[in-house]
PDBML (XML) file of the C-alpha atoms, coordinates in Angstrom:
<?xml version="1.0" encoding="UTF-8" ?>
<PDBx:datablock datablockName="MODEL"
   xmlns:PDBx="http://pdbml.pdb.org/schema/pdbx-v50.xsd"
   xmlns:xsi="http://www.w3.org/2001/XMLSchema-instance"
   xsi:schemaLocation="http://pdbml.pdb.org/schema/pdbx-v50.xsd pdbx-v50.xsd">
   <PDBx:atom_siteCategory>
      <PDBx:atom_site id="1">
         <PDBx:B_iso_or_equiv>0.00</PDBx:B_iso_or_equiv>
         <PDBx:Cartn_x>159.913</PDBx:Cartn_x>
         <PDBx:Cartn_y>110.382</PDBx:Cartn_y>
         <PDBx:Cartn_z>42.723</PDBx:Cartn_z>
         <PDBx:auth_asym_id>A</PDBx:auth_asym_id>
         <PDBx:auth_atom_id>CA</PDBx:auth_atom_id>
         <PDBx:auth_comp_id>ARG</PDBx:auth_comp_id>
         <PDBx:auth_seq_id>1</PDBx:auth_seq_id>
         <PDBx:group_PDB>ATOM</PDBx:group_PDB>
         <PDBx:label_alt_id xsi:nil="true" />
         <PDBx:label_asym_id>A</PDBx:label_asym_id>
         <PDBx:label_atom_id>CA</PDBx:label_atom_id>
         <PDBx:label_comp_id>ARG</PDBx:label_comp_id>
         <PDBx:label_entity_id>1</PDBx:label_entity_id>
         <PDBx:label_seq_id>1</PDBx:label_seq_id>
         <PDBx:occupancy>1.00</PDBx:occupancy>
         <PDBx:pdbx_PDB_model_num>1</PDBx:pdbx_PDB_model_num>
         <PDBx:type_symbol>C</PDBx:type_symbol>
      </PDBx:atom_site>
      <PDBx:atom_site id="2">
         <PDBx:B_iso_or_equiv>0.00</PDBx:B_iso_or_equiv>
         <PDBx:Cartn_x>158.314</PDBx:Cartn_x>
         <PDBx:Cartn_y>110.515</PDBx:Cartn_y>
         <PDBx:Cartn_z>39.267</PDBx:Cartn_z>
         <PDBx:auth_asym_id>A</PDBx:auth_asym_id>
         <PDBx:auth_atom_id>CA</PDBx:auth_atom_id>
         <PDBx:auth_comp_id>LEU</PDBx:auth_comp_id>
         <PDBx:auth_seq_id>2</PDBx:auth_seq_id>
         <PDBx:group_PDB>ATOM</PDBx:group_PDB>
         <PDBx:label_alt_id xsi:nil="true" />
         <PDBx:label_asym_id>A</PDBx:label_asym_id>
         <PDBx:label_atom_id>CA</PDBx:label_atom_id>
         <PDBx:label_comp_id>LEU</PDBx:label_comp_id>
         <PDBx:label_entity_id>1</PDBx:label_entity_id>
         <PDBx:label_seq_id>2</PDBx:label_seq_id>
         <PDBx:occupancy>1.00</PDBx:occupancy>
         <PDBx:pdbx_PDB_model_num>1</PDBx:pdbx_PDB_model_num>
         <PDBx:type_symbol>C</PDBx:type_symbol>
      </PDBx:atom_site>
      <PDBx:atom_site id="3">
         <PDBx:B_iso_or_equiv>0.00</PDBx:B_iso_or_equiv>
         <PDBx:Cartn_x>158.496</PDBx:Cartn_x>
         <PDBx:Cartn_y>114.321</PDBx:Cartn_y>
         <PDBx:Cartn_z>39.095</PDBx:Cartn_z>
         <PDBx:auth_asym_id>A</PDBx:auth_asym_id>
         <PDBx:auth_atom_id>CA</PDBx:auth_atom_id>
         <PDBx:auth_comp_id>VAL</PDBx:auth_comp_id>
         <PDBx:auth_seq_id>3</PDBx:auth_seq_id>
         <PDBx:group_PDB>ATOM</PDBx:group_PDB>
         <PDBx:label_alt_id xsi:nil="true" />
         <PDBx:label_asym_id>A</PDBx:label_asym_id>
         <PDBx:label_atom_id>CA</PDBx:label_atom_id>
         <PDBx:label_comp_id>VAL</PDBx:label_comp_id>
         <PDBx:label_entity_id>1</PDBx:label_entity_id>
         <PDBx:label_seq_id>3</PDBx:label_seq_id>
         <PDBx:occupancy>1.00</PDBx:occupancy>
         <PDBx:pdbx_PDB_model_num>1</PDBx:pdbx_PDB_model_num>
         <PDBx:type_symbol>C</PDBx:type_symbol>
      </PDBx:atom_site>
      <PDBx:atom_site id="4">
         <PDBx:B_iso_or_equiv>0.00</PDBx:B_iso_or_equiv>
         <PDBx:Cartn_x>161.987</PDBx:Cartn_x>
         <PDBx:Cartn_y>114.920</PDBx:Cartn_y>
         <PDBx:Cartn_z>40.515</PDBx:Cartn_z>
         <PDBx:auth_asym_id>A</PDBx:auth_asym_id>
         <PDBx:auth_atom_id>CA</PDBx:auth_atom_id>
         <PDBx:auth_comp_id>PRO</PDBx:auth_comp_id>
         <PDBx:auth_seq_id>4</PDBx:auth_seq_id>
         <PDBx:group_PDB>ATOM</PDBx:group_PDB>
         <PDBx:label_alt_id xsi:nil="true" />
         <PDBx:label_asym_id>A</PDBx:label_asym_id>
         <PDBx:label_atom_id>CA</PDBx:label_atom_id>
         <PDBx:label_comp_id>PRO</PDBx:label_comp_id>
         <PDBx:label_entity_id>1</PDBx:label_entity_id>
         <PDBx:label_seq_id>4</PDBx:label_seq_id>
         <PDBx:occupancy>1.00</PDBx:occupancy>
         <PDBx:pdbx_PDB_model_num>1</PDBx:pdbx_PDB_model_num>
         <PDBx:type_symbol>C</PDBx:type_symbol>
      </PDBx:atom_site>
      <PDBx:atom_site id="5">
         <PDBx:B_iso_or_equiv>0.00</PDBx:B_iso_or_equiv>
         <PDBx:Cartn_x>162.304</PDBx:Cartn_x>
         <PDBx:Cartn_y>118.484</PDBx:Cartn_y>
         <PDBx:Cartn_z>39.216</PDBx:Cartn_z>
         <PDBx:auth_asym_id>A</PDBx:auth_asym_id>
         <PDBx:auth_atom_id>CA</PDBx:auth_atom_id>
         <PDBx:auth_comp_id>ALA</PDBx:auth_comp_id>
         <PDBx:auth_seq_id>5</PDBx:auth_seq_id>
         <PDBx:group_PDB>ATOM</PDBx:group_PDB>
         <PDBx:label_alt_id xsi:nil="true" />
         <PDBx:label_asym_id>A</PDBx:label_asym_id>
         <PDBx:label_atom_id>CA</PDBx:label_atom_id>
         <PDBx:label_comp_id>ALA</PDBx:label_comp_id>
         <PDBx:label_entity_id>1</PDBx:label_entity_id>
         <PDBx:label_seq_id>5</PDBx:label_seq_id>
         <PDBx:occupancy>1.00</PDBx:occupancy>
         <PDBx:pdbx_PDB_model_num>1</PDBx:pdbx_PDB_model_num>
         <PDBx:type_symbol>C</PDBx:type_symbol>
      </PDBx:atom_site>
      <PDBx:atom_site id="6">
         <PDBx:B_iso_or_equiv>0.00</PDBx:B_iso_or_equiv>
         <PDBx:Cartn_x>159.496</PDBx:Cartn_x>
         <PDBx:Cartn_y>119.723</PDBx:Cartn_y>
         <PDBx:Cartn_z>41.466</PDBx:Cartn_z>
         <PDBx:auth_asym_id>A</PDBx:auth_asym_id>
         <PDBx:auth_atom_id>CA</PDBx:auth_atom_id>
         <PDBx:auth_comp_id>SER</PDBx:auth_comp_id>
         <PDBx:auth_seq_id>6</PDBx:auth_seq_id>
         <PDBx:group_PDB>ATOM</PDBx:group_PDB>
         <PDBx:label_alt_id xsi:nil="true" />
         <PDBx:label_asym_id>A</PDBx:label_asym_id>
         <PDBx:label_atom_id>CA</PDBx:label_atom_id>
         <PDBx:label_comp_id>SER</PDBx:label_comp_id>
         <PDBx:label_entity_id>1</PDBx:label_entity_id>
         <PDBx:label_seq_id>6</PDBx:label_seq_id>
         <PDBx:occupancy>1.00</PDBx:occupancy>
         <PDBx:pdbx_PDB_model_num>1</PDBx:pdbx_PDB_model_num>
         <PDBx:type_symbol>C</PDBx:type_symbol>
      </PDBx:atom_site>
      <PDBx:atom_site id="7">
         <PDBx:B_iso_or_equiv>0.00</PDBx:B_iso_or_equiv>
         <PDBx:Cartn_x>159.874</PDBx:Cartn_x>
         <PDBx:Cartn_y>120.586</PDBx:Cartn_y>
         <PDBx:Cartn_z>45.118</PDBx:Cartn_z>
         <PDBx:auth_asym_id>A</PDBx:auth_asym_id>
         <PDBx:auth_atom_id>CA</PDBx:auth_atom_id>
         <PDBx:auth_comp_id>THR</PDBx:auth_comp_id>
         <PDBx:auth_seq_id>7</PDBx:auth_seq_id>
         <PDBx:group_PDB>ATOM</PDBx:group_PDB>
         <PDBx:label_alt_id xsi:nil="true" />
         <PDBx:label_asym_id>A</PDBx:label_asym_id>
         <PDBx:label_atom_id>CA</PDBx:label_atom_id>
         <PDBx:label_comp_id>THR</PDBx:label_comp_id>
         <PDBx:label_entity_id>1</PDBx:label_entity_id>
         <PDBx:label_seq_id>7</PDBx:label_seq_id>
         <PDBx:occupancy>1.00</PDBx:occupancy>
         <PDBx:pdbx_PDB_model_num>1</PDBx:pdbx_PDB_model_num>
         <PDBx:type_symbol>C</PDBx:type_symbol>
      </PDBx:atom_site>
      <PDBx:atom_site id="8">
         <PDBx:B_iso_or_equiv>0.00</PDBx:B_iso_or_equiv>
         <PDBx:Cartn_x>157.583</PDBx:Cartn_x>
         <PDBx:Cartn_y>119.051</PDBx:Cartn_y>
         <PDBx:Cartn_z>47.724</PDBx:Cartn_z>
         <PDBx:auth_asym_id>A</PDBx:auth_asym_id>
         <PDBx:auth_atom_id>CA</PDBx:auth_atom_id>
         <PDBx:auth_comp_id>ALA</PDBx:auth_comp_id>
         <PDBx:auth_seq_id>8</PDBx:auth_seq_id>
         <PDBx:group_PDB>ATOM</PDBx:group_PDB>
         <PDBx:label_alt_id xsi:nil="true" />
         <PDBx:label_asym_id>A</PDBx:label_asym_id>
         <PDBx:label_atom_id>CA</PDBx:label_atom_id>
         <PDBx:label_comp_id>ALA</PDBx:label_comp_id>
         <PDBx:label_entity_id>1</PDBx:label_entity_id>
         <PDBx:label_seq_id>8</PDBx:label_seq_id>
         <PDBx:occupancy>1.00</PDBx:occupancy>
         <PDBx:pdbx_PDB_model_num>1</PDBx:pdbx_PDB_model_num>
         <PDBx:type_symbol>C</PDBx:type_symbol>
      </PDBx:atom_site>
      <PDBx:atom_site id="9">
         <PDBx:B_iso_or_equiv>0.00</PDBx:B_iso_or_equiv>
         <PDBx:Cartn_x>155.841</PDBx:Cartn_x>
         <PDBx:Cartn_y>122.408</PDBx:Cartn_y>
         <PDBx:Cartn_z>48.200</PDBx:Cartn_z>
         <PDBx:auth_asym_id>A</PDBx:auth_asym_id>
         <PDBx:auth_atom_id>CA</PDBx:auth_atom_id>
         <PDBx:auth_comp_id>LYS</PDBx:auth_comp_id>
         <PDBx:auth_seq_id>9</PDBx:auth_seq_id>
         <PDBx:group_PDB>ATOM</PDBx:group_PDB>
         <PDBx:label_alt_id xsi:nil="true" />
         <PDBx:label_asym_id>A</PDBx:label_asym_id>
         <PDBx:label_atom_id>CA</PDBx:label_atom_id>
         <PDBx:label_comp_id>LYS</PDBx:label_comp_id>
         <PDBx:label_entity_id>1</PDBx:label_entity_id>
         <PDBx:label_seq_id>9</PDBx:label_seq_id>
         <PDBx:occupancy>1.00</PDBx:occupancy>
         <PDBx:pdbx_PDB_model_num>1</PDBx:pdbx_PDB_model_num>
         <PDBx:type_symbol>C</PDBx:type_symbol>
      </PDBx:atom_site>
      <PDBx:atom_site id="10">
         <PDBx:B_iso_or_equiv>0.00</PDBx:B_iso_or_equiv>
         <PDBx:Cartn_x>155.248</PDBx:Cartn_x>
         <PDBx:Cartn_y>122.855</PDBx:Cartn_y>
         <PDBx:Cartn_z>44.461</PDBx:Cartn_z>
         <PDBx:auth_asym_id>A</PDBx:auth_asym_id>
         <PDBx:auth_atom_id>CA</PDBx:auth_atom_id>
         <PDBx:auth_comp_id>MET</PDBx:auth_comp_id>
         <PDBx:auth_seq_id>10</PDBx:auth_seq_id>
         <PDBx:group_PDB>ATOM</PDBx:group_PDB>
         <PDBx:label_alt_id xsi:nil="true" />
         <PDBx:label_asym_id>A</PDBx:label_asym_id>
         <PDBx:label_atom_id>CA</PDBx:label_atom_id>
         <PDBx:label_comp_id>MET</PDBx:label_comp_id>
         <PDBx:label_entity_id>1</PDBx:label_entity_id>
         <PDBx:label_seq_id>10</PDBx:label_seq_id>
         <PDBx:occupancy>1.00</PDBx:occupancy>
         <PDBx:pdbx_PDB_model_num>1</PDBx:pdbx_PDB_model_num>
         <PDBx:type_symbol>C</PDBx:type_symbol>
      </PDBx:atom_site>
      <PDBx:atom_site id="11">
         <PDBx:B_iso_or_equiv>0.00</PDBx:B_iso_or_equiv>
         <PDBx:Cartn_x>153.980</PDBx:Cartn_x>
         <PDBx:Cartn_y>119.293</PDBx:Cartn_y>
         <PDBx:Cartn_z>44.021</PDBx:Cartn_z>
         <PDBx:auth_asym_id>A</PDBx:auth_asym_id>
         <PDBx:auth_atom_id>CA</PDBx:auth_atom_id>
         <PDBx:auth_comp_id>LEU</PDBx:auth_comp_id>
         <PDBx:auth_seq_id>11</PDBx:auth_seq_id>
         <PDBx:group_PDB>ATOM</PDBx:group_PDB>
         <PDBx:label_alt_id xsi:nil="true" />
         <PDBx:label_asym_id>A</PDBx:label_asym_id>
         <PDBx:label_atom_id>CA</PDBx:label_atom_id>
         <PDBx:label_comp_id>LEU</PDBx:label_comp_id>
         <PDBx:label_entity_id>1</PDBx:label_entity_id>
         <PDBx:label_seq_id>11</PDBx:label_seq_id>
         <PDBx:occupancy>1.00</PDBx:occupancy>
         <PDBx:pdbx_PDB_model_num>1</PDBx:pdbx_PDB_model_num>
         <PDBx:type_symbol>C</PDBx:type_symbol>
      </PDBx:atom_site>
      <PDBx:atom_site id="12">
         <PDBx:B_iso_or_equiv>0.00</PDBx:B_iso_or_equiv>
         <PDBx:Cartn_x>151.561</PDBx:Cartn_x>
         <PDBx:Cartn_y>119.714</PDBx:Cartn_y>
         <PDBx:Cartn_z>46.927</PDBx:Cartn_z>
         <PDBx:auth_asym_id>A</PDBx:auth_asym_id>
         <PDBx:auth_atom_id>CA</PDBx:auth_atom_id>
         <PDBx:auth_comp_id>THR</PDBx:auth_comp_id>
         <PDBx:auth_seq_id>12</PDBx:auth_seq_id>
         <PDBx:group_PDB>ATOM</PDBx:group_PDB>
         <PDBx:label_alt_id xsi:nil="true" />
         <PDBx:label_asym_id>A</PDBx:label_asym_id>
         <PDBx:label_atom_id>CA</PDBx:label_atom_id>
         <PDBx:label_comp_id>THR</PDBx:label_comp_id>
         <PDBx:label_entity_id>1</PDBx:label_entity_id>
         <PDBx:label_seq_id>12</PDBx:label_seq_id>
         <PDBx:occupancy>1.00</PDBx:occupancy>
         <PDBx:pdbx_PDB_model_num>1</PDBx:pdbx_PDB_model_num>
         <PDBx:type_symbol>C</PDBx:type_symbol>
      </PDBx:atom_site>
      <PDBx:atom_site id="13">
         <PDBx:B_iso_or_equiv>0.00</PDBx:B_iso_or_equiv>
         <PDBx:Cartn_x>150.334</PDBx:Cartn_x>
         <PDBx:Cartn_y>123.032</PDBx:Cartn_y>
         <PDBx:Cartn_z>45.543</PDBx:Cartn_z>
         <PDBx:auth_asym_id>A</PDBx:auth_asym_id>
         <PDBx:auth_atom_id>CA</PDBx:auth_atom_id>
         <PDBx:auth_comp_id>GLN</PDBx:auth_comp_id>
         <PDBx:auth_seq_id>13</PDBx:auth_seq_id>
         <PDBx:group_PDB>ATOM</PDBx:group_PDB>
         <PDBx:label_alt_id xsi:nil="true" />
         <PDBx:label_asym_id>A</PDBx:label_asym_id>
         <PDBx:label_atom_id>CA</PDBx:label_atom_id>
         <PDBx:label_comp_id>GLN</PDBx:label_comp_id>
         <PDBx:label_entity_id>1</PDBx:label_entity_id>
         <PDBx:label_seq_id>13</PDBx:label_seq_id>
         <PDBx:occupancy>1.00</PDBx:occupancy>
         <PDBx:pdbx_PDB_model_num>1</PDBx:pdbx_PDB_model_num>
         <PDBx:type_symbol>C</PDBx:type_symbol>
      </PDBx:atom_site>
      <PDBx:atom_site id="14">
         <PDBx:B_iso_or_equiv>0.00</PDBx:B_iso_or_equiv>
         <PDBx:Cartn_x>149.800</PDBx:Cartn_x>
         <PDBx:Cartn_y>121.603</PDBx:Cartn_y>
         <PDBx:Cartn_z>42.050</PDBx:Cartn_z>
         <PDBx:auth_asym_id>A</PDBx:auth_asym_id>
         <PDBx:auth_atom_id>CA</PDBx:auth_atom_id>
         <PDBx:auth_comp_id>GLN</PDBx:auth_comp_id>
         <PDBx:auth_seq_id>14</PDBx:auth_seq_id>
         <PDBx:group_PDB>ATOM</PDBx:group_PDB>
         <PDBx:label_alt_id xsi:nil="true" />
         <PDBx:label_asym_id>A</PDBx:label_asym_id>
         <PDBx:label_atom_id>CA</PDBx:label_atom_id>
         <PDBx:label_comp_id>GLN</PDBx:label_comp_id>
         <PDBx:label_entity_id>1</PDBx:label_entity_id>
         <PDBx:label_seq_id>14</PDBx:label_seq_id>
         <PDBx:occupancy>1.00</PDBx:occupancy>
         <PDBx:pdbx_PDB_model_num>1</PDBx:pdbx_PDB_model_num>
         <PDBx:type_symbol>C</PDBx:type_symbol>
      </PDBx:atom_site>
      <PDBx:atom_site id="15">
         <PDBx:B_iso_or_equiv>0.00</PDBx:B_iso_or_equiv>
         <PDBx:Cartn_x>147.954</PDBx:Cartn_x>
         <PDBx:Cartn_y>118.560</PDBx:Cartn_y>
         <PDBx:Cartn_z>43.429</PDBx:Cartn_z>
         <PDBx:auth_asym_id>A</PDBx:auth_asym_id>
         <PDBx:auth_atom_id>CA</PDBx:auth_atom_id>
         <PDBx:auth_comp_id>LEU</PDBx:auth_comp_id>
         <PDBx:auth_seq_id>15</PDBx:auth_seq_id>
         <PDBx:group_PDB>ATOM</PDBx:group_PDB>
         <PDBx:label_alt_id xsi:nil="true" />
         <PDBx:label_asym_id>A</PDBx:label_asym_id>
         <PDBx:label_atom_id>CA</PDBx:label_atom_id>
         <PDBx:label_comp_id>LEU</PDBx:label_comp_id>
         <PDBx:label_entity_id>1</PDBx:label_entity_id>
         <PDBx:label_seq_id>15</PDBx:label_seq_id>
         <PDBx:occupancy>1.00</PDBx:occupancy>
         <PDBx:pdbx_PDB_model_num>1</PDBx:pdbx_PDB_model_num>
         <PDBx:type_symbol>C</PDBx:type_symbol>
      </PDBx:atom_site>
      <PDBx:atom_site id="16">
         <PDBx:B_iso_or_equiv>0.00</PDBx:B_iso_or_equiv>
         <PDBx:Cartn_x>145.685</PDBx:Cartn_x>
         <PDBx:Cartn_y>120.764</PDBx:Cartn_y>
         <PDBx:Cartn_z>45.564</PDBx:Cartn_z>
         <PDBx:auth_asym_id>A</PDBx:auth_asym_id>
         <PDBx:auth_atom_id>CA</PDBx:auth_atom_id>
         <PDBx:auth_comp_id>ARG</PDBx:auth_comp_id>
         <PDBx:auth_seq_id>16</PDBx:auth_seq_id>
         <PDBx:group_PDB>ATOM</PDBx:group_PDB>
         <PDBx:label_alt_id xsi:nil="true" />
         <PDBx:label_asym_id>A</PDBx:label_asym_id>
         <PDBx:label_atom_id>CA</PDBx:label_atom_id>
         <PDBx:label_comp_id>ARG</PDBx:label_comp_id>
         <PDBx:label_entity_id>1</PDBx:label_entity_id>
         <PDBx:label_seq_id>16</PDBx:label_seq_id>
         <PDBx:occupancy>1.00</PDBx:occupancy>
         <PDBx:pdbx_PDB_model_num>1</PDBx:pdbx_PDB_model_num>
         <PDBx:type_symbol>C</PDBx:type_symbol>
      </PDBx:atom_site>
      <PDBx:atom_site id="17">
         <PDBx:B_iso_or_equiv>0.00</PDBx:B_iso_or_equiv>
         <PDBx:Cartn_x>144.844</PDBx:Cartn_x>
         <PDBx:Cartn_y>122.914</PDBx:Cartn_y>
         <PDBx:Cartn_z>42.547</PDBx:Cartn_z>
         <PDBx:auth_asym_id>A</PDBx:auth_asym_id>
         <PDBx:auth_atom_id>CA</PDBx:auth_atom_id>
         <PDBx:auth_comp_id>GLU</PDBx:auth_comp_id>
         <PDBx:auth_seq_id>17</PDBx:auth_seq_id>
         <PDBx:group_PDB>ATOM</PDBx:group_PDB>
         <PDBx:label_alt_id xsi:nil="true" />
         <PDBx:label_asym_id>A</PDBx:label_asym_id>
         <PDBx:label_atom_id>CA</PDBx:label_atom_id>
         <PDBx:label_comp_id>GLU</PDBx:label_comp_id>
         <PDBx:label_entity_id>1</PDBx:label_entity_id>
         <PDBx:label_seq_id>17</PDBx:label_seq_id>
         <PDBx:occupancy>1.00</PDBx:occupancy>
         <PDBx:pdbx_PDB_model_num>1</PDBx:pdbx_PDB_model_num>
         <PDBx:type_symbol>C</PDBx:type_symbol>
      </PDBx:atom_site>
      <PDBx:atom_site id="18">
         <PDBx:B_iso_or_equiv>0.00</PDBx:B_iso_or_equiv>
         <PDBx:Cartn_x>144.043</PDBx:Cartn_x>
         <PDBx:Cartn_y>119.818</PDBx:Cartn_y>
         <PDBx:Cartn_z>40.477</PDBx:Cartn_z>
         <PDBx:auth_asym_id>A</PDBx:auth_asym_id>
         <PDBx:auth_atom_id>CA</PDBx:auth_atom_id>
         <PDBx:auth_comp_id>LEU</PDBx:auth_comp_id>
         <PDBx:auth_seq_id>18</PDBx:auth_seq_id>
         <PDBx:group_PDB>ATOM</PDBx:group_PDB>
         <PDBx:label_alt_id xsi:nil="true" />
         <PDBx:label_asym_id>A</PDBx:label_asym_id>
         <PDBx:label_atom_id>CA</PDBx:label_atom_id>
         <PDBx:label_comp_id>LEU</PDBx:label_comp_id>
         <PDBx:label_entity_id>1</PDBx:label_entity_id>
         <PDBx:label_seq_id>18</PDBx:label_seq_id>
         <PDBx:occupancy>1.00</PDBx:occupancy>
         <PDBx:pdbx_PDB_model_num>1</PDBx:pdbx_PDB_model_num>
         <PDBx:type_symbol>C</PDBx:type_symbol>
      </PDBx:atom_site>
      <PDBx:atom_site id="19">
         <PDBx:B_iso_or_equiv>0.00</PDBx:B_iso_or_equiv>
         <PDBx:Cartn_x>141.856</PDBx:Cartn_x>
         <PDBx:Cartn_y>118.521</PDBx:Cartn_y>
         <PDBx:Cartn_z>43.297</PDBx:Cartn_z>
         <PDBx:auth_asym_id>A</PDBx:auth_asym_id>
         <PDBx:auth_atom_id>CA</PDBx:auth_atom_id>
         <PDBx:auth_comp_id>GLU</PDBx:auth_comp_id>
         <PDBx:auth_seq_id>19</PDBx:auth_seq_id>
         <PDBx:group_PDB>ATOM</PDBx:group_PDB>
         <PDBx:label_alt_id xsi:nil="true" />
         <PDBx:label_asym_id>A</PDBx:label_asym_id>
         <PDBx:label_atom_id>CA</PDBx:label_atom_id>
         <PDBx:label_comp_id>GLU</PDBx:label_comp_id>
         <PDBx:label_entity_id>1</PDBx:label_entity_id>
         <PDBx:label_seq_id>19</PDBx:label_seq_id>
         <PDBx:occupancy>1.00</PDBx:occupancy>
         <PDBx:pdbx_PDB_model_num>1</PDBx:pdbx_PDB_model_num>
         <PDBx:type_symbol>C</PDBx:type_symbol>
      </PDBx:atom_site>
      <PDBx:atom_site id="20">
         <PDBx:B_iso_or_equiv>0.00</PDBx:B_iso_or_equiv>
         <PDBx:Cartn_x>140.051</PDBx:Cartn_x>
         <PDBx:Cartn_y>121.863</PDBx:Cartn_y>
         <PDBx:Cartn_z>43.606</PDBx:Cartn_z>
         <PDBx:auth_asym_id>A</PDBx:auth_asym_id>
         <PDBx:auth_atom_id>CA</PDBx:auth_atom_id>
         <PDBx:auth_comp_id>ALA</PDBx:auth_comp_id>
         <PDBx:auth_seq_id>20</PDBx:auth_seq_id>
         <PDBx:group_PDB>ATOM</PDBx:group_PDB>
         <PDBx:label_alt_id xsi:nil="true" />
         <PDBx:label_asym_id>A</PDBx:label_asym_id>
         <PDBx:label_atom_id>CA</PDBx:label_atom_id>
         <PDBx:label_comp_id>ALA</PDBx:label_comp_id>
         <PDBx:label_entity_id>1</PDBx:label_entity_id>
         <PDBx:label_seq_id>20</PDBx:label_seq_id>
         <PDBx:occupancy>1.00</PDBx:occupancy>
         <PDBx:pdbx_PDB_model_num>1</PDBx:pdbx_PDB_model_num>
         <PDBx:type_symbol>C</PDBx:type_symbol>
      </PDBx:atom_site>
      <PDBx:atom_site id="21">
         <PDBx:B_iso_or_equiv>0.00</PDBx:B_iso_or_equiv>
         <PDBx:Cartn_x>139.350</PDBx:Cartn_x>
         <PDBx:Cartn_y>121.775</PDBx:Cartn_y>
         <PDBx:Cartn_z>39.852</PDBx:Cartn_z>
         <PDBx:auth_asym_id>A</PDBx:auth_asym_id>
         <PDBx:auth_atom_id>CA</PDBx:auth_atom_id>
         <PDBx:auth_comp_id>ASP</PDBx:auth_comp_id>
         <PDBx:auth_seq_id>21</PDBx:auth_seq_id>
         <PDBx:group_PDB>ATOM</PDBx:group_PDB>
         <PDBx:label_alt_id xsi:nil="true" />
         <PDBx:label_asym_id>A</PDBx:label_asym_id>
         <PDBx:label_atom_id>CA</PDBx:label_atom_id>
         <PDBx:label_comp_id>ASP</PDBx:label_comp_id>
         <PDBx:label_entity_id>1</PDBx:label_entity_id>
         <PDBx:label_seq_id>21</PDBx:label_seq_id>
         <PDBx:occupancy>1.00</PDBx:occupancy>
         <PDBx:pdbx_PDB_model_num>1</PDBx:pdbx_PDB_model_num>
         <PDBx:type_symbol>C</PDBx:type_symbol>
      </PDBx:atom_site>
      <PDBx:atom_site id="22">
         <PDBx:B_iso_or_equiv>0.00</PDBx:B_iso_or_equiv>
         <PDBx:Cartn_x>137.963</PDBx:Cartn_x>
         <PDBx:Cartn_y>118.203</PDBx:Cartn_y>
         <PDBx:Cartn_z>40.204</PDBx:Cartn_z>
         <PDBx:auth_asym_id>A</PDBx:auth_asym_id>
         <PDBx:auth_atom_id>CA</PDBx:auth_atom_id>
         <PDBx:auth_comp_id>ASP</PDBx:auth_comp_id>
         <PDBx:auth_seq_id>22</PDBx:auth_seq_id>
         <PDBx:group_PDB>ATOM</PDBx:group_PDB>
         <PDBx:label_alt_id xsi:nil="true" />
         <PDBx:label_asym_id>A</PDBx:label_asym_id>
         <PDBx:label_atom_id>CA</PDBx:label_atom_id>
         <PDBx:label_comp_id>ASP</PDBx:label_comp_id>
         <PDBx:label_entity_id>1</PDBx:label_entity_id>
         <PDBx:label_seq_id>22</PDBx:label_seq_id>
         <PDBx:occupancy>1.00</PDBx:occupancy>
         <PDBx:pdbx_PDB_model_num>1</PDBx:pdbx_PDB_model_num>
         <PDBx:type_symbol>C</PDBx:type_symbol>
      </PDBx:atom_site>
      <PDBx:atom_site id="23">
         <PDBx:B_iso_or_equiv>0.00</PDBx:B_iso_or_equiv>
         <PDBx:Cartn_x>140.595</PDBx:Cartn_x>
         <PDBx:Cartn_y>116.773</PDBx:Cartn_y>
         <PDBx:Cartn_z>37.871</PDBx:Cartn_z>
         <PDBx:auth_asym_id>A</PDBx:auth_asym_id>
         <PDBx:auth_atom_id>CA</PDBx:auth_atom_id>
         <PDBx:auth_comp_id>LEU</PDBx:auth_comp_id>
         <PDBx:auth_seq_id>23</PDBx:auth_seq_id>
         <PDBx:group_PDB>ATOM</PDBx:group_PDB>
         <PDBx:label_alt_id xsi:nil="true" />
         <PDBx:label_asym_id>A</PDBx:label_asym_id>
         <PDBx:label_atom_id>CA</PDBx:label_atom_id>
         <PDBx:label_comp_id>LEU</PDBx:label_comp_id>
         <PDBx:label_entity_id>1</PDBx:label_entity_id>
         <PDBx:label_seq_id>23</PDBx:label_seq_id>
         <PDBx:occupancy>1.00</PDBx:occupancy>
         <PDBx:pdbx_PDB_model_num>1</PDBx:pdbx_PDB_model_num>
         <PDBx:type_symbol>C</PDBx:type_symbol>
      </PDBx:atom_site>
      <PDBx:atom_site id="24">
         <PDBx:B_iso_or_equiv>0.00</PDBx:B_iso_or_equiv>
         <PDBx:Cartn_x>141.980</PDBx:Cartn_x>
         <PDBx:Cartn_y>114.372</PDBx:Cartn_y>
         <PDBx:Cartn_z>40.481</PDBx:Cartn_z>
         <PDBx:auth_asym_id>A</PDBx:auth_asym_id>
         <PDBx:auth_atom_id>CA</PDBx:auth_atom_id>
         <PDBx:auth_comp_id>VAL</PDBx:auth_comp_id>
         <PDBx:auth_seq_id>24</PDBx:auth_seq_id>
         <PDBx:group_PDB>ATOM</PDBx:group_PDB>
         <PDBx:label_alt_id xsi:nil="true" />
         <PDBx:label_asym_id>A</PDBx:label_asym_id>
         <PDBx:label_atom_id>CA</PDBx:label_atom_id>
         <PDBx:label_comp_id>VAL</PDBx:label_comp_id>
         <PDBx:label_entity_id>1</PDBx:label_entity_id>
         <PDBx:label_seq_id>24</PDBx:label_seq_id>
         <PDBx:occupancy>1.00</PDBx:occupancy>
         <PDBx:pdbx_PDB_model_num>1</PDBx:pdbx_PDB_model_num>
         <PDBx:type_symbol>C</PDBx:type_symbol>
      </PDBx:atom_site>
      <PDBx:atom_site id="25">
         <PDBx:B_iso_or_equiv>0.00</PDBx:B_iso_or_equiv>
         <PDBx:Cartn_x>140.434</PDBx:Cartn_x>
         <PDBx:Cartn_y>112.597</PDBx:Cartn_y>
         <PDBx:Cartn_z>43.439</PDBx:Cartn_z>
         <PDBx:auth_asym_id>A</PDBx:auth_asym_id>
         <PDBx:auth_atom_id>CA</PDBx:auth_atom_id>
         <PDBx:auth_comp_id>HIS</PDBx:auth_comp_id>
         <PDBx:auth_seq_id>25</PDBx:auth_seq_id>
         <PDBx:group_PDB>ATOM</PDBx:group_PDB>
         <PDBx:label_alt_id xsi:nil="true" />
         <PDBx:label_asym_id>A</PDBx:label_asym_id>
         <PDBx:label_atom_id>CA</PDBx:label_atom_id>
         <PDBx:label_comp_id>HIS</PDBx:label_comp_id>
         <PDBx:label_entity_id>1</PDBx:label_entity_id>
         <PDBx:label_seq_id>25</PDBx:label_seq_id>
         <PDBx:occupancy>1.00</PDBx:occupancy>
         <PDBx:pdbx_PDB_model_num>1</PDBx:pdbx_PDB_model_num>
         <PDBx:type_symbol>C</PDBx:type_symbol>
      </PDBx:atom_site>
   </PDBx:atom_siteCategory>
</PDBx:datablock>
C-alpha cells in the first residue's frame, strides 16, 4: 500500500534482494 507504483512481483523481488544483501530482516 505504501509503494503503490510497484507491482507485487517487483516489490517481492526488491525485498528479496534487500534480504540477500542483509539490509532487511
